[in-house]
Amino acid sequence: MIEFCTHGHFYRSPTDQKGVYGAWWIPLRKLVRRVGRAQVEARISEHLADVQRRANTEIEDIANDSDSSDEEGAAQEGGS
């Protein structure tokens, strides 16, 4: 089963007047049935494109970094 963590304002029933803000893990099946295949596919595509863009930016920043120390790597390897 695939689930997505979805953040937003949710109504718990059709008669819920206030709703509640939060983040919940929602099964893909429920998302598709509630909002439709096209919207779910569009949102997933947007998300994946954003993740790829962010990763590319981070990789580029790391590759162009003139600092030879690797603080994260040193900390993970037990160095300082």
N, C-alpha and C. Protein backbone atom coordinates (compact mmCIF):
# COMPACT_ATOMS: atom_id res chain seq x y z
N MET A 1 0.84 -1.17 0.00
CA MET A 1 0.00 0.00 0.00
C MET A 1 0.90 1.24 0.00
N ILE A 2 0.57 2.20 -0.83
CA ILE A 2 1.28 3.48 -0.88
C ILE A 2 0.44 4.52 -0.15
N GLU A 3 1.11 5.29 0.72
CA GLU A 3 0.45 6.37 1.44
C GLU A 3 1.24 7.66 1.23
N PHE A 4 0.54 8.77 1.33
CA PHE A 4 1.18 10.07 1.24
C PHE A 4 0.85 10.86 2.49
N CYS A 5 1.84 11.56 3.01
CA CYS A 5 1.61 12.45 4.14
C CYS A 5 1.04 13.74 3.55
N THR A 6 -0.18 14.05 3.92
CA THR A 6 -0.90 15.19 3.35
C THR A 6 -1.18 16.20 4.44
N HIS A 7 -0.75 17.44 4.20
CA HIS A 7 -0.93 18.53 5.16
C HIS A 7 -2.04 19.45 4.65
N GLY A 8 -2.91 19.86 5.55
CA GLY A 8 -3.95 20.79 5.12
C GLY A 8 -5.07 20.93 6.13
N HIS A 9 -6.18 21.45 5.66
CA HIS A 9 -7.38 21.66 6.46
C HIS A 9 -8.37 20.58 6.04
N PHE A 10 -8.73 19.73 6.98
CA PHE A 10 -9.57 18.58 6.68
C PHE A 10 -10.90 18.66 7.41
N TYR A 11 -11.95 18.23 6.73
CA TYR A 11 -13.27 18.09 7.35
C TYR A 11 -13.48 16.61 7.62
N ARG A 12 -13.89 16.30 8.83
CA ARG A 12 -13.99 14.89 9.22
C ARG A 12 -15.28 14.22 8.74
N SER A 13 -16.27 15.00 8.37
CA SER A 13 -17.52 14.46 7.86
C SER A 13 -18.20 15.54 7.02
N PRO A 14 -19.21 15.17 6.25
CA PRO A 14 -19.92 16.17 5.44
C PRO A 14 -20.59 17.26 6.27
N THR A 15 -20.87 16.99 7.54
CA THR A 15 -21.53 18.00 8.38
C THR A 15 -20.55 18.76 9.27
N ASP A 16 -19.27 18.44 9.17
CA ASP A 16 -18.25 19.12 9.98
C ASP A 16 -18.17 20.58 9.55
N GLN A 17 -18.43 21.49 10.49
CA GLN A 17 -18.43 22.92 10.19
C GLN A 17 -17.05 23.56 10.31
N LYS A 18 -16.22 23.08 11.22
CA LYS A 18 -14.93 23.71 11.48
C LYS A 18 -13.77 23.04 10.75
N GLY A 19 -13.76 21.75 10.74
CA GLY A 19 -12.62 21.03 10.19
C GLY A 19 -11.44 21.10 11.17
N VAL A 20 -10.33 20.56 10.74
CA VAL A 20 -9.15 20.54 11.59
C VAL A 20 -7.92 20.61 10.69
N TYR A 21 -6.92 21.37 11.15
CA TYR A 21 -5.65 21.45 10.43
C TYR A 21 -4.74 20.34 10.91
N GLY A 22 -3.91 19.83 10.03
CA GLY A 22 -2.96 18.82 10.45
C GLY A 22 -2.34 18.12 9.26
N ALA A 23 -1.62 17.07 9.57
CA ALA A 23 -0.99 16.24 8.55
C ALA A 23 -1.30 14.78 8.86
N TRP A 24 -1.75 14.06 7.87
CA TRP A 24 -2.11 12.67 8.04
C TRP A 24 -1.57 11.85 6.89
N TRP A 25 -1.27 10.58 7.18
CA TRP A 25 -0.91 9.64 6.15
C TRP A 25 -2.20 9.13 5.54
N ILE A 26 -2.35 9.32 4.23
CA ILE A 26 -3.59 8.94 3.55
C ILE A 26 -3.25 7.95 2.45
N PRO A 27 -3.92 6.80 2.42
CA PRO A 27 -3.65 5.82 1.37
C PRO A 27 -3.94 6.40 -0.01
N LEU A 28 -3.11 6.03 -0.98
CA LEU A 28 -3.28 6.50 -2.34
C LEU A 28 -4.68 6.18 -2.86
N ARG A 29 -5.19 5.01 -2.52
CA ARG A 29 -6.53 4.62 -2.96
C ARG A 29 -7.58 5.64 -2.53
N LYS A 30 -7.48 6.10 -1.29
CA LYS A 30 -8.45 7.07 -0.77
C LYS A 30 -8.29 8.42 -1.48
N LEU A 31 -7.03 8.84 -1.72
CA LEU A 31 -6.81 10.11 -2.42
C LEU A 31 -7.43 10.08 -3.80
N VAL A 32 -7.19 9.01 -4.55
CA VAL A 32 -7.73 8.91 -5.91
C VAL A 32 -9.25 8.92 -5.89
N ARG A 33 -9.83 8.21 -4.96
CA ARG A 33 -11.30 8.15 -4.90
C ARG A 33 -11.92 9.48 -4.45
N ARG A 34 -11.21 10.21 -3.60
CA ARG A 34 -11.75 11.48 -3.09
C ARG A 34 -11.57 12.66 -4.04
N VAL A 35 -10.40 12.76 -4.66
CA VAL A 35 -10.13 13.95 -5.47
C VAL A 35 -9.95 13.64 -6.95
N GLY A 36 -9.87 12.38 -7.33
CA GLY A 36 -9.78 12.00 -8.73
C GLY A 36 -8.36 11.73 -9.19
N ARG A 37 -8.29 10.86 -10.16
CA ARG A 37 -7.00 10.41 -10.69
C ARG A 37 -6.18 11.55 -11.26
N ALA A 38 -6.81 12.41 -12.06
CA ALA A 38 -6.07 13.49 -12.73
C ALA A 38 -5.41 14.42 -11.72
N GLN A 39 -6.14 14.79 -10.68
CA GLN A 39 -5.56 15.70 -9.69
C GLN A 39 -4.44 15.03 -8.90
N VAL A 40 -4.61 13.78 -8.54
CA VAL A 40 -3.57 13.06 -7.81
C VAL A 40 -2.32 12.93 -8.68
N GLU A 41 -2.49 12.54 -9.92
CA GLU A 41 -1.33 12.41 -10.81
C GLU A 41 -0.62 13.74 -11.00
N ALA A 42 -1.40 14.81 -11.14
CA ALA A 42 -0.80 16.15 -11.32
C ALA A 42 0.00 16.55 -10.09
N ARG A 43 -0.56 16.34 -8.91
CA ARG A 43 0.14 16.71 -7.67
C ARG A 43 1.39 15.88 -7.46
N ILE A 44 1.34 14.60 -7.76
CA ILE A 44 2.52 13.75 -7.62
C ILE A 44 3.60 14.21 -8.60
N SER A 45 3.21 14.51 -9.83
CA SER A 45 4.18 15.00 -10.82
C SER A 45 4.82 16.30 -10.37
N GLU A 46 4.02 17.22 -9.82
CA GLU A 46 4.56 18.49 -9.30
C GLU A 46 5.56 18.23 -8.18
N HIS A 47 5.20 17.33 -7.28
CA HIS A 47 6.06 17.01 -6.15
C HIS A 47 7.39 16.41 -6.62
N LEU A 48 7.32 15.44 -7.52
CA LEU A 48 8.54 14.80 -8.01
C LEU A 48 9.42 15.80 -8.76
N ALA A 49 8.83 16.68 -9.53
CA ALA A 49 9.60 17.71 -10.24
C ALA A 49 10.28 18.64 -9.24
N ASP A 50 9.59 18.99 -8.16
CA ASP A 50 10.17 19.86 -7.14
C ASP A 50 11.32 19.16 -6.42
N VAL A 51 11.15 17.89 -6.10
CA VAL A 51 12.23 17.14 -5.44
C VAL A 51 13.44 17.07 -6.37
N GLN A 52 13.22 16.80 -7.65
CA GLN A 52 14.34 16.72 -8.60
C GLN A 52 15.04 18.07 -8.71
N ARG A 53 14.27 19.17 -8.79
CA ARG A 53 14.85 20.50 -8.88
C ARG A 53 15.70 20.81 -7.65
N ARG A 54 15.18 20.49 -6.46
CA ARG A 54 15.91 20.75 -5.22
C ARG A 54 17.18 19.91 -5.15
N ALA A 55 17.08 18.65 -5.55
CA ALA A 55 18.26 17.78 -5.54
C ALA A 55 19.32 18.30 -6.51
N ASN A 56 18.91 18.72 -7.70
CA ASN A 56 19.85 19.25 -8.67
C ASN A 56 20.55 20.50 -8.14
N THR A 57 19.80 21.38 -7.50
CA THR A 57 20.37 22.59 -6.92
C THR A 57 21.38 22.25 -5.83
N GLU A 58 21.02 21.32 -4.98
CA GLU A 58 21.92 20.90 -3.89
C GLU A 58 23.18 20.25 -4.44
N ILE A 59 23.03 19.40 -5.42
CA ILE A 59 24.18 18.75 -6.03
C ILE A 59 25.10 19.79 -6.66
N GLU A 60 24.51 20.75 -7.36
CA GLU A 60 25.30 21.81 -7.99
C GLU A 60 26.04 22.63 -6.94
N ASP A 61 25.35 22.97 -5.84
CA ASP A 61 25.99 23.72 -4.76
C ASP A 61 27.16 22.95 -4.16
N ILE A 62 26.98 21.67 -3.95
CA ILE A 62 28.04 20.83 -3.38
C ILE A 62 29.22 20.74 -4.35
N ALA A 63 28.93 20.54 -5.62
CA ALA A 63 29.99 20.41 -6.61
C ALA A 63 30.79 21.70 -6.76
N ASN A 64 30.15 22.84 -6.55
CA ASN A 64 30.82 24.14 -6.69
C ASN A 64 31.38 24.68 -5.39
N ASP A 65 31.20 23.94 -4.31
CA ASP A 65 31.66 24.39 -3.00
C ASP A 65 33.18 24.32 -2.94
N SER A 66 33.82 25.44 -2.63
CA SER A 66 35.28 25.46 -2.58
C SER A 66 35.82 25.02 -1.23
N ASP A 67 34.95 24.84 -0.24
CA ASP A 67 35.36 24.38 1.08
C ASP A 67 35.70 22.89 0.99
N SER A 68 36.93 22.54 1.30
CA SER A 68 37.35 21.14 1.17
C SER A 68 36.91 20.28 2.35
N SER A 69 36.50 20.93 3.45
CA SER A 69 36.05 20.12 4.59
C SER A 69 34.63 19.64 4.34
N ASP A 70 34.34 18.50 4.88
CA ASP A 70 33.00 17.92 4.74
C ASP A 70 32.44 17.73 6.14
N GLU A 71 31.84 18.78 6.68
CA GLU A 71 31.37 18.73 8.07
C GLU A 71 30.39 17.60 8.30
N GLU A 72 29.44 17.43 7.39
CA GLU A 72 28.48 16.37 7.58
C GLU A 72 29.15 15.01 7.53
N GLY A 73 30.03 14.80 6.56
CA GLY A 73 30.73 13.53 6.45
C GLY A 73 31.62 13.25 7.64
N ALA A 74 32.32 14.28 8.13
CA ALA A 74 33.20 14.12 9.28
C ALA A 74 32.40 13.75 10.52
N ALA A 75 31.24 14.38 10.68
CA ALA A 75 30.41 14.07 11.85
C ALA A 75 29.87 12.65 11.76
N GLN A 76 29.50 12.21 10.58
CA GLN A 76 28.97 10.86 10.41
C GLN A 76 30.06 9.81 10.60
N GLU A 77 31.30 10.15 10.27
CA GLU A 77 32.39 9.20 10.38
C GLU A 77 33.07 9.26 11.75
N GLY A 78 32.56 10.12 12.62
CA GLY A 78 33.12 10.22 13.95
C GLY A 78 34.21 11.26 14.08
N GLY A 79 34.48 12.02 13.00
CA GLY A 79 35.51 13.06 13.04
C GLY A 79 34.93 14.35 13.56
N SER A 80 35.77 15.39 13.59
CA SER A 80 35.27 16.68 14.05
C SER A 80 35.47 17.74 13.02
